[in-house]
Amino acid sequence: MTPHFIEVNRQDLDRRRREVIERIGLPEHELRRRAHDHVATPDERDAWSEIEEIDFLLGDDEPSGR
């Protein structure tokens, strides 16, 4: 099976990051707190995981430290 690659640029990733945060409806700092305190809903945990993945792809030294 041939691996498939998707090319994205910084603008795409930044836009997706904003969409994820807007979909959850919480400020990022609150979503981060809820995830770290283990009180996030399943949707919030999924969103936080995606934000961390995006931050990794963006090369942020401090994941979600915006």
N, C-alpha and C. Protein backbone atom coordinates (compact mmCIF):
# COMPACT_ATOMS: atom_id res chain seq x y z
N MET A 1 0.85 -1.17 0.00
CA MET A 1 0.00 0.00 0.00
C MET A 1 0.90 1.24 0.00
N THR A 2 0.62 2.17 -0.87
CA THR A 2 1.39 3.39 -0.99
C THR A 2 0.89 4.41 0.03
N PRO A 3 1.82 5.01 0.80
CA PRO A 3 1.39 6.03 1.76
C PRO A 3 0.87 7.27 1.04
N HIS A 4 -0.10 7.89 1.64
CA HIS A 4 -0.67 9.13 1.10
C HIS A 4 -0.20 10.30 1.94
N PHE A 5 0.16 11.37 1.27
CA PHE A 5 0.61 12.56 1.96
C PHE A 5 -0.32 13.71 1.63
N ILE A 6 -0.55 14.54 2.61
CA ILE A 6 -1.35 15.74 2.41
C ILE A 6 -0.45 16.92 2.68
N GLU A 7 -0.37 17.82 1.74
CA GLU A 7 0.43 19.02 1.95
C GLU A 7 -0.44 20.12 2.50
N VAL A 8 0.03 20.71 3.57
CA VAL A 8 -0.65 21.87 4.15
C VAL A 8 0.39 22.94 4.42
N ASN A 9 -0.04 24.16 4.43
CA ASN A 9 0.88 25.24 4.74
C ASN A 9 0.49 25.86 6.08
N ARG A 10 1.30 26.78 6.55
CA ARG A 10 1.07 27.42 7.85
C ARG A 10 -0.32 28.05 7.91
N GLN A 11 -0.74 28.70 6.84
CA GLN A 11 -2.06 29.35 6.84
C GLN A 11 -3.17 28.32 7.03
N ASP A 12 -3.06 27.17 6.35
CA ASP A 12 -4.06 26.12 6.52
C ASP A 12 -4.12 25.64 7.96
N LEU A 13 -2.94 25.42 8.54
CA LEU A 13 -2.89 24.93 9.92
C LEU A 13 -3.41 25.96 10.92
N ASP A 14 -3.03 27.22 10.72
CA ASP A 14 -3.53 28.29 11.60
C ASP A 14 -5.05 28.40 11.50
N ARG A 15 -5.57 28.30 10.29
CA ARG A 15 -7.02 28.38 10.09
C ARG A 15 -7.72 27.20 10.77
N ARG A 16 -7.18 26.00 10.60
CA ARG A 16 -7.78 24.83 11.21
C ARG A 16 -7.75 24.93 12.74
N ARG A 17 -6.66 25.45 13.27
CA ARG A 17 -6.53 25.63 14.72
C ARG A 17 -7.63 26.56 15.25
N ARG A 18 -7.83 27.68 14.55
CA ARG A 18 -8.89 28.62 14.96
C ARG A 18 -10.27 27.95 14.86
N GLU A 19 -10.50 27.17 13.82
CA GLU A 19 -11.79 26.49 13.65
C GLU A 19 -12.06 25.52 14.80
N VAL A 20 -11.04 24.79 15.20
CA VAL A 20 -11.20 23.82 16.30
C VAL A 20 -11.59 24.55 17.58
N ILE A 21 -10.90 25.64 17.88
CA ILE A 21 -11.18 26.40 19.10
C ILE A 21 -12.58 27.01 19.03
N GLU A 22 -12.95 27.55 17.88
CA GLU A 22 -14.28 28.15 17.74
C GLU A 22 -15.37 27.10 17.87
N ARG A 23 -15.14 25.91 17.33
CA ARG A 23 -16.14 24.84 17.39
C ARG A 23 -16.44 24.45 18.84
N ILE A 24 -15.41 24.43 19.67
CA ILE A 24 -15.59 24.05 21.07
C ILE A 24 -16.29 25.15 21.86
N GLY A 25 -16.02 26.40 21.50
CA GLY A 25 -16.71 27.50 22.15
C GLY A 25 -16.11 27.92 23.48
N LEU A 26 -14.87 27.54 23.72
CA LEU A 26 -14.17 27.95 24.95
C LEU A 26 -12.92 28.72 24.55
N PRO A 27 -12.50 29.67 25.38
CA PRO A 27 -11.20 30.29 25.12
C PRO A 27 -10.12 29.20 25.21
N GLU A 28 -9.05 29.39 24.46
CA GLU A 28 -8.00 28.37 24.43
C GLU A 28 -7.44 28.08 25.82
N HIS A 29 -7.23 29.11 26.63
CA HIS A 29 -6.67 28.87 27.96
C HIS A 29 -7.59 28.01 28.82
N GLU A 30 -8.90 28.16 28.64
CA GLU A 30 -9.86 27.35 29.40
C GLU A 30 -9.86 25.91 28.89
N LEU A 31 -9.79 25.73 27.59
CA LEU A 31 -9.71 24.39 27.01
C LEU A 31 -8.44 23.69 27.49
N ARG A 32 -7.33 24.41 27.49
CA ARG A 32 -6.05 23.86 27.97
C ARG A 32 -6.18 23.44 29.43
N ARG A 33 -6.75 24.31 30.27
CA ARG A 33 -6.90 24.01 31.69
C ARG A 33 -7.75 22.76 31.89
N ARG A 34 -8.88 22.70 31.19
CA ARG A 34 -9.78 21.55 31.32
C ARG A 34 -9.09 20.25 30.90
N ALA A 35 -8.31 20.32 29.83
CA ALA A 35 -7.61 19.12 29.36
C ALA A 35 -6.56 18.68 30.38
N HIS A 36 -5.81 19.63 30.91
CA HIS A 36 -4.75 19.30 31.87
C HIS A 36 -5.30 18.87 33.22
N ASP A 37 -6.48 19.37 33.58
CA ASP A 37 -7.11 18.98 34.85
C ASP A 37 -7.95 17.70 34.72
N HIS A 38 -7.98 17.12 33.51
CA HIS A 38 -8.72 15.89 33.23
C HIS A 38 -10.22 16.02 33.50
N VAL A 39 -10.76 17.19 33.20
CA VAL A 39 -12.21 17.40 33.34
C VAL A 39 -12.86 17.74 32.00
N ALA A 40 -12.10 17.62 30.92
CA ALA A 40 -12.61 17.94 29.59
C ALA A 40 -13.58 16.86 29.12
N THR A 41 -14.57 17.29 28.37
CA THR A 41 -15.50 16.34 27.75
C THR A 41 -14.75 15.59 26.64
N PRO A 42 -15.31 14.51 26.13
CA PRO A 42 -14.65 13.82 25.02
C PRO A 42 -14.40 14.73 23.81
N ASP A 43 -15.36 15.58 23.47
CA ASP A 43 -15.16 16.52 22.36
C ASP A 43 -14.03 17.51 22.65
N GLU A 44 -13.97 17.98 23.88
CA GLU A 44 -12.90 18.90 24.27
C GLU A 44 -11.54 18.21 24.23
N ARG A 45 -11.49 16.95 24.68
CA ARG A 45 -10.22 16.20 24.62
C ARG A 45 -9.78 15.99 23.18
N ASP A 46 -10.71 15.67 22.31
CA ASP A 46 -10.39 15.50 20.89
C ASP A 46 -9.87 16.80 20.29
N ALA A 47 -10.53 17.90 20.63
CA ALA A 47 -10.11 19.21 20.12
C ALA A 47 -8.72 19.55 20.63
N TRP A 48 -8.47 19.32 21.91
CA TRP A 48 -7.16 19.63 22.47
C TRP A 48 -6.07 18.79 21.81
N SER A 49 -6.37 17.52 21.56
CA SER A 49 -5.42 16.65 20.89
C SER A 49 -5.09 17.17 19.49
N GLU A 50 -6.11 17.61 18.77
CA GLU A 50 -5.88 18.16 17.44
C GLU A 50 -5.06 19.45 17.51
N ILE A 51 -5.32 20.28 18.48
CA ILE A 51 -4.54 21.51 18.63
C ILE A 51 -3.07 21.17 18.90
N GLU A 52 -2.83 20.19 19.75
CA GLU A 52 -1.44 19.80 20.02
C GLU A 52 -0.76 19.25 18.77
N GLU A 53 -1.50 18.48 17.96
CA GLU A 53 -0.94 17.97 16.71
C GLU A 53 -0.61 19.10 15.75
N ILE A 54 -1.51 20.06 15.66
CA ILE A 54 -1.28 21.22 14.78
C ILE A 54 -0.05 21.99 15.26
N ASP A 55 0.05 22.22 16.57
CA ASP A 55 1.20 22.92 17.11
C ASP A 55 2.50 22.19 16.80
N PHE A 56 2.47 20.86 16.86
CA PHE A 56 3.65 20.08 16.52
C PHE A 56 4.03 20.31 15.06
N LEU A 57 3.04 20.27 14.17
CA LEU A 57 3.30 20.48 12.74
C LEU A 57 3.80 21.89 12.47
N LEU A 58 3.32 22.84 13.26
CA LEU A 58 3.77 24.23 13.10
C LEU A 58 5.18 24.43 13.66
N GLY A 59 5.66 23.47 14.43
CA GLY A 59 6.99 23.56 14.99
C GLY A 59 7.06 24.43 16.23
N ASP A 60 5.92 24.62 16.89
CA ASP A 60 5.92 25.41 18.13
C ASP A 60 6.72 24.66 19.19
N ASP A 61 7.66 25.36 19.83
CA ASP A 61 8.48 24.74 20.87
C ASP A 61 7.65 24.34 22.07
N GLU A 62 6.72 25.18 22.44
CA GLU A 62 5.86 24.95 23.59
C GLU A 62 4.47 24.63 23.05
N PRO A 63 4.07 23.34 23.01
CA PRO A 63 2.76 23.01 22.46
C PRO A 63 1.64 23.80 23.11
N SER A 64 0.85 24.41 22.29
CA SER A 64 -0.32 25.17 22.71
C SER A 64 0.02 26.24 23.73
N GLY A 65 1.19 26.78 23.64
CA GLY A 65 1.60 27.81 24.57
C GLY A 65 1.31 29.20 24.06
N ARG A 66 0.35 29.32 23.18
CA ARG A 66 0.00 30.62 22.61
C ARG A 66 -0.73 31.46 23.59
